[in-house]
PDB file of N, CA and C in Angstrom:
ATOM      1  N   UNK A   1     111.594 237.197 106.852  1.00  0.00           N
ATOM      2  CA  UNK A   1     111.725 236.362 108.027  1.00  0.00           C
ATOM      3  C   UNK A   1     110.481 236.556 108.889  1.00  0.00           C
ATOM      4  N   UNK A   2     110.013 235.475 109.415  1.00  0.00           N
ATOM      5  CA  UNK A   2     108.820 235.506 110.251  1.00  0.00           C
ATOM      6  C   UNK A   2     109.203 235.812 111.697  1.00  0.00           C
ATOM      7  N   UNK A   3     108.432 236.638 112.345  1.00  0.00           N
ATOM      8  CA  UNK A   3     108.674 236.982 113.741  1.00  0.00           C
ATOM      9  C   UNK A   3     107.567 236.412 114.609  1.00  0.00           C
ATOM     10  N   UNK A   4     107.923 236.049 115.833  1.00  0.00           N
ATOM     11  CA  UNK A   4     106.965 235.528 116.793  1.00  0.00           C
ATOM     12  C   UNK A   4     107.092 236.354 118.057  1.00  0.00           C
ATOM     13  N   UNK A   5     105.971 236.839 118.548  1.00  0.00           N
ATOM     14  CA  UNK A   5     105.986 237.578 119.811  1.00  0.00           C
ATOM     15  C   UNK A   5     105.981 236.583 120.954  1.00  0.00           C
ATOM     16  N   UNK A   6     106.711 236.926 122.004  1.00  0.00           N
ATOM     17  CA  UNK A   6     106.747 236.067 123.178  1.00  0.00           C
ATOM     18  C   UNK A   6     106.827 236.941 124.419  1.00  0.00           C
ATOM     19  N   UNK A   7     106.420 236.395 125.511  1.00  0.00           N
ATOM     20  CA  UNK A   7     106.519 237.108 126.786  1.00  0.00           C
ATOM     21  C   UNK A   7     107.439 236.311 127.698  1.00  0.00           C
ATOM     22  N   UNK A   8     108.281 237.021 128.435  1.00  0.00           N
ATOM     23  CA  UNK A   8     109.170 236.363 129.374  1.00  0.00           C
ATOM     24  C   UNK A   8     109.036 237.048 130.724  1.00  0.00           C
ATOM     25  N   UNK A   9     109.361 236.320 131.756  1.00  0.00           N
ATOM     26  CA  UNK A   9     109.363 236.888 133.102  1.00  0.00           C
ATOM     27  C   UNK A   9     110.798 236.907 133.593  1.00  0.00           C
ATOM     28  N   UNK A  10     111.249 238.099 133.987  1.00  0.00           N
ATOM     29  CA  UNK A  10     112.600 238.242 134.513  1.00  0.00           C
ATOM     30  C   UNK A  10     112.542 239.096 135.767  1.00  0.00           C
ATOM     31  N   UNK A  11     113.557 238.986 136.579  1.00  0.00           N
ATOM     32  CA  UNK A  11     113.598 239.778 137.804  1.00  0.00           C
ATOM     33  C   UNK A  11     113.770 241.250 137.448  1.00  0.00           C
ATOM     34  N   UNK A  12     113.196 242.109 138.276  1.00  0.00           N
ATOM     35  CA  UNK A  12     113.193 243.535 138.007  1.00  0.00           C
ATOM     36  C   UNK A  12     114.593 244.121 137.835  1.00  0.00           C
ATOM     37  N   UNK A  13     115.587 243.782 138.688  1.00  0.00           N
ATOM     38  CA  UNK A  13     116.922 244.353 138.482  1.00  0.00           C
ATOM     39  C   UNK A  13     117.517 243.997 137.114  1.00  0.00           C
ATOM     40  N   UNK A  14     117.283 242.778 136.656  1.00  0.00           N
ATOM     41  CA  UNK A  14     117.787 242.366 135.353  1.00  0.00           C
ATOM     42  C   UNK A  14     117.077 243.143 134.239  1.00  0.00           C
ATOM     43  N   UNK A  15     115.772 243.321 134.400  1.00  0.00           N
ATOM     44  CA  UNK A  15     115.010 244.105 133.431  1.00  0.00           C
ATOM     45  C   UNK A  15     115.540 245.532 133.349  1.00  0.00           C
ATOM     46  N   UNK A  16     115.819 246.114 134.497  1.00  0.00           N
ATOM     47  CA  UNK A  16     116.317 247.489 134.517  1.00  0.00           C
ATOM     48  C   UNK A  16     117.697 247.584 133.865  1.00  0.00           C
ATOM     49  N   UNK A  17     118.546 246.604 134.106  1.00  0.00           N
ATOM     50  CA  UNK A  17     119.857 246.587 133.442  1.00  0.00           C
ATOM     51  C   UNK A  17     119.698 246.471 131.930  1.00  0.00           C
ATOM     52  N   UNK A  18     118.766 245.629 131.509  1.00  0.00           N
ATOM     53  CA  UNK A  18     118.509 245.466 130.077  1.00  0.00           C
ATOM     54  C   UNK A  18     118.000 246.774 129.476  1.00  0.00           C
ATOM     55  N   UNK A  19     117.126 247.440 130.170  1.00  0.00           N
ATOM     56  CA  UNK A  19     116.607 248.740 129.716  1.00  0.00           C
ATOM     57  C   UNK A  19     117.751 249.727 129.533  1.00  0.00           C
ATOM     58  N   UNK A  20     118.611 249.824 130.535  1.00  0.00           N
ATOM     59  CA  UNK A  20     119.741 250.754 130.467  1.00  0.00           C
ATOM     60  C   UNK A  20     120.680 250.408 129.314  1.00  0.00           C
ATOM     61  N   UNK A  21     120.984 249.144 129.168  1.00  0.00           N
ATOM     62  CA  UNK A  21     121.883 248.725 128.105  1.00  0.00           C
ATOM     63  C   UNK A  21     121.275 248.989 126.732  1.00  0.00           C
ATOM     64  N   UNK A  22     120.005 248.709 126.580  1.00  0.00           N
ATOM     65  CA  UNK A  22     119.333 248.973 125.303  1.00  0.00           C
ATOM     66  C   UNK A  22     119.412 250.464 124.955  1.00  0.00           C
ATOM     67  N   UNK A  23     119.216 251.315 125.940  1.00  0.00           N
ATOM     68  CA  UNK A  23     119.330 252.764 125.707  1.00  0.00           C
ATOM     69  C   UNK A  23     120.755 253.131 125.295  1.00  0.00           C
ATOM     70  N   UNK A  24     121.748 252.569 125.990  1.00  0.00           N
ATOM     71  CA  UNK A  24     123.151 252.867 125.668  1.00  0.00           C
ATOM     72  C   UNK A  24     123.507 252.425 124.252  1.00  0.00           C
ATOM     73  N   UNK A  25     122.982 251.279 123.843  1.00  0.00           N
ATOM     74  CA  UNK A  25     123.282 250.732 122.518  1.00  0.00           C
ATOM     75  C   UNK A  25     122.376 251.303 121.426  1.00  0.00           C
ATOM     76  N   UNK A  26     121.380 252.075 121.843  1.00  0.00           N
ATOM     77  CA  UNK A  26     120.415 252.667 120.898  1.00  0.00           C
ATOM     78  C   UNK A  26     119.699 251.591 120.090  1.00  0.00           C
ATOM     79  N   UNK A  27     119.264 250.555 120.794  1.00  0.00           N
ATOM     80  CA  UNK A  27     118.488 249.489 120.161  1.00  0.00           C
ATOM     81  C   UNK A  27     117.235 249.253 120.995  1.00  0.00           C
ATOM     82  N   UNK A  28     116.180 248.787 120.362  1.00  0.00           N
ATOM     83  CA  UNK A  28     114.985 248.433 121.142  1.00  0.00           C
ATOM     84  C   UNK A  28     115.313 247.290 122.112  1.00  0.00           C
ATOM     85  N   UNK A  29     114.588 247.255 123.192  1.00  0.00           N
ATOM     86  CA  UNK A  29     114.804 246.217 124.199  1.00  0.00           C
ATOM     87  C   UNK A  29     114.643 244.828 123.587  1.00  0.00           C
ATOM     88  N   UNK A  30     113.659 244.653 122.718  1.00  0.00           N
ATOM     89  CA  UNK A  30     113.464 243.330 122.109  1.00  0.00           C
ATOM     90  C   UNK A  30     114.676 242.940 121.256  1.00  0.00           C
ATOM     91  N   UNK A  31     115.298 243.918 120.587  1.00  0.00           N
ATOM     92  CA  UNK A  31     116.504 243.625 119.805  1.00  0.00           C
ATOM     93  C   UNK A  31     117.646 243.208 120.726  1.00  0.00           C
ATOM     94  N   UNK A  32     117.753 243.860 121.877  1.00  0.00           N
ATOM     95  CA  UNK A  32     118.779 243.488 122.855  1.00  0.00           C
ATOM     96  C   UNK A  32     118.591 242.039 123.295  1.00  0.00           C
ATOM     97  N   UNK A  33     117.354 241.635 123.550  1.00  0.00           N
ATOM     98  CA  UNK A  33     117.096 240.256 123.950  1.00  0.00           C
ATOM     99  C   UNK A  33     117.458 239.282 122.829  1.00  0.00           C
ATOM    100  N   UNK A  34     117.156 239.656 121.587  1.00  0.00           N
ATOM    101  CA  UNK A  34     117.511 238.810 120.443  1.00  0.00           C
ATOM    102  C   UNK A  34     119.028 238.684 120.341  1.00  0.00           C
ATOM    103  N   UNK A  35     119.739 239.805 120.478  1.00  0.00           N
ATOM    104  CA  UNK A  35     121.202 239.784 120.415  1.00  0.00           C
ATOM    105  C   UNK A  35     121.777 238.878 121.501  1.00  0.00           C
ATOM    106  N   UNK A  36     121.234 238.976 122.697  1.00  0.00           N
ATOM    107  CA  UNK A  36     121.721 238.159 123.808  1.00  0.00           C
ATOM    108  C   UNK A  36     121.457 236.675 123.553  1.00  0.00           C
ATOM    109  N   UNK A  37     120.291 236.361 123.042  1.00  0.00           N
ATOM    110  CA  UNK A  37     119.956 234.967 122.766  1.00  0.00           C
ATOM    111  C   UNK A  37     120.820 234.411 121.633  1.00  0.00           C
ATOM    112  N   UNK A  38     121.052 235.211 120.595  1.00  0.00           N
ATOM    113  CA  UNK A  38     121.922 234.776 119.506  1.00  0.00           C
ATOM    114  C   UNK A  38     123.336 234.493 120.021  1.00  0.00           C
ATOM    115  N   UNK A  39     123.832 235.375 120.862  1.00  0.00           N
ATOM    116  CA  UNK A  39     125.180 235.194 121.420  1.00  0.00           C
ATOM    117  C   UNK A  39     125.235 233.939 122.299  1.00  0.00           C
ATOM    118  N   UNK A  40     124.202 233.718 123.094  1.00  0.00           N
ATOM    119  CA  UNK A  40     124.155 232.535 123.954  1.00  0.00           C
ATOM    120  C   UNK A  40     124.162 231.263 123.105  1.00  0.00           C
ATOM    121  N   UNK A  41     123.356 231.239 122.052  1.00  0.00           N
ATOM    122  CA  UNK A  41     123.286 230.057 121.182  1.00  0.00           C
ATOM    123  C   UNK A  41     124.624 229.836 120.488  1.00  0.00           C
ATOM    124  N   UNK A  42     125.245 230.887 119.968  1.00  0.00           N
ATOM    125  CA  UNK A  42     126.539 230.781 119.305  1.00  0.00           C
ATOM    126  C   UNK A  42     127.602 230.261 120.282  1.00  0.00           C
ATOM    127  N   UNK A  43     127.594 230.773 121.498  1.00  0.00           N
ATOM    128  CA  UNK A  43     128.548 230.333 122.513  1.00  0.00           C
ATOM    129  C   UNK A  43     128.355 228.843 122.821  1.00  0.00           C
ATOM    130  N   UNK A  44     127.118 228.428 122.944  1.00  0.00           N
ATOM    131  CA  UNK A  44     126.824 227.017 123.240  1.00  0.00           C
ATOM    132  C   UNK A  44     127.261 226.110 122.088  1.00  0.00           C
ATOM    133  N   UNK A  45     127.005 226.550 120.857  1.00  0.00           N
ATOM    134  CA  UNK A  45     127.415 225.755 119.694  1.00  0.00           C
ATOM    135  C   UNK A  45     128.941 225.632 119.649  1.00  0.00           C
ATOM    136  N   UNK A  46     129.624 226.723 119.945  1.00  0.00           N
ATOM    137  CA  UNK A  46     131.089 226.684 119.951  1.00  0.00           C
ATOM    138  C   UNK A  46     131.610 225.733 121.022  1.00  0.00           C
ATOM    139  N   UNK A  47     130.987 225.736 122.193  1.00  0.00           N
ATOM    140  CA  UNK A  47     131.404 224.821 123.262  1.00  0.00           C
ATOM    141  C   UNK A  47     131.175 223.368 122.862  1.00  0.00           C
ATOM    142  N   UNK A  48     130.030 223.110 122.200  1.00  0.00           N
ATOM    143  CA  UNK A  48     129.740 221.748 121.750  1.00  0.00           C
ATOM    144  C   UNK A  48     130.750 221.307 120.694  1.00  0.00           C
ATOM    145  N   UNK A  49     131.097 222.203 119.778  1.00  0.00           N
ATOM    146  CA  UNK A  49     132.084 221.880 118.755  1.00  0.00           C
ATOM    147  C   UNK A  49     133.440 221.606 119.394  1.00  0.00           C
ATOM    148  N   UNK A  50     133.835 222.421 120.343  1.00  0.00           N
ATOM    149  CA  UNK A  50     135.101 222.212 121.040  1.00  0.00           C
ATOM    150  C   UNK A  50     135.110 220.869 121.766  1.00  0.00           C
ATOM    151  N   UNK A  51     133.988 220.517 122.380  1.00  0.00           N
ATOM    152  CA  UNK A  51     133.901 219.223 123.069  1.00  0.00           C
ATOM    153  C   UNK A  51     134.061 218.077 122.079  1.00  0.00           C
ATOM    154  N   UNK A  52     133.469 218.210 120.891  1.00  0.00           N
ATOM    155  CA  UNK A  52     133.605 217.168 119.869  1.00  0.00           C
ATOM    156  C   UNK A  52     135.055 217.066 119.389  1.00  0.00           C
ATOM    157  N   UNK A  53     135.696 218.208 119.186  1.00  0.00           N
ATOM    158  CA  UNK A  53     137.100 218.203 118.752  1.00  0.00           C
ATOM    159  C   UNK A  53     137.976 217.569 119.824  1.00  0.00           C
ATOM    160  N   UNK A  54     137.769 217.961 121.073  1.00  0.00           N
ATOM    161  CA  UNK A  54     138.550 217.385 122.169  1.00  0.00           C
ATOM    162  C   UNK A  54     138.336 215.882 122.271  1.00  0.00           C
ATOM    163  N   UNK A  55     137.097 215.435 122.075  1.00  0.00           N
ATOM    164  CA  UNK A  55     136.820 213.998 122.139  1.00  0.00           C
ATOM    165  C   UNK A  55     137.530 213.258 121.007  1.00  0.00           C
ATOM    166  N   UNK A  56     137.584 213.874 119.837  1.00  0.00           N
ATOM    167  CA  UNK A  56     138.230 213.232 118.697  1.00  0.00           C
ATOM    168  C   UNK A  56     139.731 213.080 118.920  1.00  0.00           C
ATOM    169  N   UNK A  57     140.323 214.016 119.647  1.00  0.00           N
ATOM    170  CA  UNK A  57     141.762 213.973 119.873  1.00  0.00           C
ATOM    171  C   UNK A  57     142.143 213.407 121.244  1.00  0.00           C
ATOM    172  N   UNK A  58     141.170 212.977 122.004  1.00  0.00           N
ATOM    173  CA  UNK A  58     141.441 212.505 123.361  1.00  0.00           C
ATOM    174  C   UNK A  58     142.066 211.114 123.383  1.00  0.00           C
ATOM    175  N   UNK A  59     141.776 210.316 122.388  1.00  0.00           N
ATOM    176  CA  UNK A  59     142.276 208.938 122.370  1.00  0.00           C
ATOM    177  C   UNK A  59     143.781 208.913 122.135  1.00  0.00           C
ATOM    178  N   UNK A  60     144.426 208.003 122.807  1.00  0.00           N
ATOM    179  CA  UNK A  60     145.851 207.768 122.569  1.00  0.00           C
ATOM    180  C   UNK A  60     145.981 207.085 121.217  1.00  0.00           C
ATOM    181  N   UNK A  61     147.082 207.321 120.522  1.00  0.00           N
ATOM    182  CA  UNK A  61     147.262 206.662 119.231  1.00  0.00           C
ATOM    183  C   UNK A  61     147.358 205.146 119.404  1.00  0.00           C
ATOM    184  N   UNK A  62     146.781 204.436 118.462  1.00  0.00           N
ATOM    185  CA  UNK A  62     146.821 202.985 118.494  1.00  0.00           C
ATOM    186  C   UNK A  62     148.147 202.466 117.969  1.00  0.00           C
ATOM    187  N   UNK A  63     148.356 201.151 118.039  1.00  0.00           N
ATOM    188  CA  UNK A  63     149.614 200.547 117.581  1.00  0.00           C
ATOM    189  C   UNK A  63     149.908 200.852 116.111  1.00  0.00           C
ATOM    190  N   UNK A  64     148.894 200.841 115.270  1.00  0.00           N
ATOM    191  CA  UNK A  64     149.115 201.105 113.842  1.00  0.00           C
ATOM    192  C   UNK A  64     149.594 202.538 113.632  1.00  0.00           C
ATOM    193  N   UNK A  65     148.978 203.483 114.322  1.00  0.00           N
ATOM    194  CA  UNK A  65     149.394 204.877 114.175  1.00  0.00           C
ATOM    195  C   UNK A  65     150.796 205.096 114.729  1.00  0.00           C
ATOM    196  N   UNK A  66     151.102 204.443 115.839  1.00  0.00           N
ATOM    197  CA  UNK A  66     152.453 204.563 116.397  1.00  0.00           C
ATOM    198  C   UNK A  66     153.502 204.008 115.435  1.00  0.00           C
ATOM    199  N   UNK A  67     153.163 202.920 114.753  1.00  0.00           N
ATOM    200  CA  UNK A  67     154.096 202.327 113.793  1.00  0.00           C
ATOM    201  C   UNK A  67     154.316 203.265 112.617  1.00  0.00           C
ATOM    202  N   UNK A  68     153.261 203.884 112.139  1.00  0.00           N
ATOM    203  CA  UNK A  68     153.382 204.838 111.030  1.00  0.00           C
ATOM    204  C   UNK A  68     154.234 206.024 111.458  1.00  0.00           C
ATOM    205  N   UNK A  69     154.013 206.516 112.661  1.00  0.00           N
ATOM    206  CA  UNK A  69     154.803 207.638 113.167  1.00  0.00           C
ATOM    207  C   UNK A  69     156.294 207.264 113.240  1.00  0.00           C
ATOM    208  N   UNK A  70     156.559 206.081 113.727  1.00  0.00           N
ATOM    209  CA  UNK A  70     157.954 205.649 113.874  1.00  0.00           C
ATOM    210  C   UNK A  70     158.628 205.530 112.505  1.00  0.00           C
ATOM    211  N   UNK A  71     157.920 204.954 111.529  1.00  0.00           N
ATOM    212  CA  UNK A  71     158.477 204.844 110.179  1.00  0.00           C
ATOM    213  C   UNK A  71     158.705 206.224 109.566  1.00  0.00           C
ATOM    214  N   UNK A  72     157.777 207.128 109.786  1.00  0.00           N
ATOM    215  CA  UNK A  72     157.912 208.490 109.257  1.00  0.00           C
ATOM    216  C   UNK A  72     159.106 209.195 109.880  1.00  0.00           C
ATOM    217  N   UNK A  73     159.261 209.040 111.181  1.00  0.00           N
ATOM    218  CA  UNK A  73     160.385 209.662 111.869  1.00  0.00           C
ATOM    219  C   UNK A  73     161.713 209.086 111.369  1.00  0.00           C
ATOM    220  N   UNK A  74     161.744 207.775 111.172  1.00  0.00           N
ATOM    221  CA  UNK A  74     162.961 207.131 110.672  1.00  0.00           C
ATOM    222  C   UNK A  74     163.296 207.641 109.275  1.00  0.00           C
ATOM    223  N   UNK A  75     162.290 207.727 108.412  1.00  0.00           N
ATOM    224  CA  UNK A  75     162.517 208.217 107.048  1.00  0.00           C
ATOM    225  C   UNK A  75     162.983 209.667 107.064  1.00  0.00           C
ATOM    226  N   UNK A  76     162.414 210.463 107.951  1.00  0.00           N
ATOM    227  CA  UNK A  76     162.822 211.868 108.072  1.00  0.00           C
ATOM    228  C   UNK A  76     164.274 211.970 108.518  1.00  0.00           C
ATOM    229  N   UNK A  77     164.627 211.201 109.520  1.00  0.00           N
ATOM    230  CA  UNK A  77     166.019 211.220 110.015  1.00  0.00           C
ATOM    231  C   UNK A  77     167.001 210.813 108.909  1.00  0.00           C
ATOM    232  N   UNK A  78     166.626 209.788 108.161  1.00  0.00           N
ATOM    233  CA  UNK A  78     167.500 209.325 107.076  1.00  0.00           C
ATOM    234  C   UNK A  78     167.639 210.394 105.999  1.00  0.00           C
ATOM    235  N   UNK A  79     166.570 211.095 105.696  1.00  0.00           N
ATOM    236  CA  UNK A  79     166.632 212.137 104.674  1.00  0.00           C
ATOM    237  C   UNK A  79     167.492 213.315 105.158  1.00  0.00           C
ATOM    238  N   UNK A  80     167.470 213.584 106.447  1.00  0.00           N
ATOM    239  CA  UNK A  80     168.286 214.663 106.998  1.00  0.00           C
ATOM    240  C   UNK A  80     169.764 214.274 107.005  1.00  0.00           C
ATOM    241  N   UNK A  81     170.060 213.017 107.247  1.00  0.00           N
ATOM    242  CA  UNK A  81     171.445 212.556 107.245  1.00  0.00           C
ATOM    243  C   UNK A  81     172.049 212.703 105.861  1.00  0.00           C
ATOM    244  N   UNK A  82     171.263 212.435 104.820  1.00  0.00           N
ATOM    245  CA  UNK A  82     171.748 212.549 103.456  1.00  0.00           C
ATOM    246  C   UNK A  82     172.092 213.994 103.102  1.00  0.00           C
ATOM    247  N   UNK A  83     171.371 214.944 103.658  1.00  0.00           N
ATOM    248  CA  UNK A  83     171.625 216.337 103.345  1.00  0.00           C
ATOM    249  C   UNK A  83     172.855 216.871 104.044  1.00  0.00           C
ATOM    250  N   UNK A  84     173.227 216.348 105.178  1.00  0.00           N
ATOM    251  CA  UNK A  84     174.358 216.861 105.939  1.00  0.00           C
ATOM    252  C   UNK A  84     175.537 216.002 105.667  1.00  0.00           C
TER     253      UNK A  84
END
């Protein structure tokens, strides 16, 4: 895998927190930044996927789907009546 060096500017308190956390986790500071960025990207992708799923299910069923549901429910009820 190819690596690219980059420089970032962050506020000193955030840098100090990152330093402390990297020491606690026994990882280099650059690895901590990579872990944080990976988690941020994964979280964003999950939110986008959830938004797509919600959009797909947001629509009310159309007349054709309602008719299919009603026929299915009727057939189910009839099959249950035969068993009892």
